Amino acid sequence: MMAQELRYMVLAGVVLAVLAPGGEMGLGRAQPVVQGKEVEGVFVLLPIPFSFSQPRIKLPIEPDEFDPREVEAYYDWRTNMFYRRFDLAGKGTIDFMTARRTYKTWLDEFGTPVVITMSEPVFYWIDLNANGTFEQDQGEMWVDPYEDGVTGNERPYDSSDLQRPPSEVPSWTPPSFRFPPCDPRFGC
């Protein structure tokens, strides 16, 4: 097949190849419209190669409660989050951490905090370069806006908009006080 016989259109992230008549893909015939002209051909769906993008990192599933890989679990009242730290690789360093929003907290009769959390974490940290720290600029912090567990809709957390100074917002000034006009009846 010659190069001019094959045309491509990108539709919703998928390359749609339109083969010229006589294409031997055997996937069925169609009458597509390319650049306003009707062309006889066969539609073939091909994936777009994204060699320029980073590979998708597969986040690990958070281990169950009381898992031996859990190193620490604590509640932080400043962020109102419940954090769990794990040593998934078994190397003695924390390499995975999650944070859940809390629903309710109180102290029991012994002074131990009791925390009721949401069912799934909202933040995930994974130490990709195994240096013992979680570096947001290295793509090691993830957010799950739907809080539905590791389902593939998690994305790297980007707080760069929080680091920028606020935009030019007009400042509000209170109106100045004006004395009413002088009325001789009131002794001006």
Foldseek 3Di string as FASTA:
>chain_A
DDPVQWDWDADPQKIWIWGAPPDDPPPDWDFDADPNRTGIGDTDIDGDDPPVDDDDDQDDFDDDPPDPQWDDWDADPVVQKIKIFGDPVPPPATFKMFIFHWDDWDADPVRDIDTHTDPATQKMFGRPPPPRDGDLVVQRMWGDVVRPTRDPNIGRDDCVVVVDDDDDDDDDDDDDDDDPDDDVVVPD
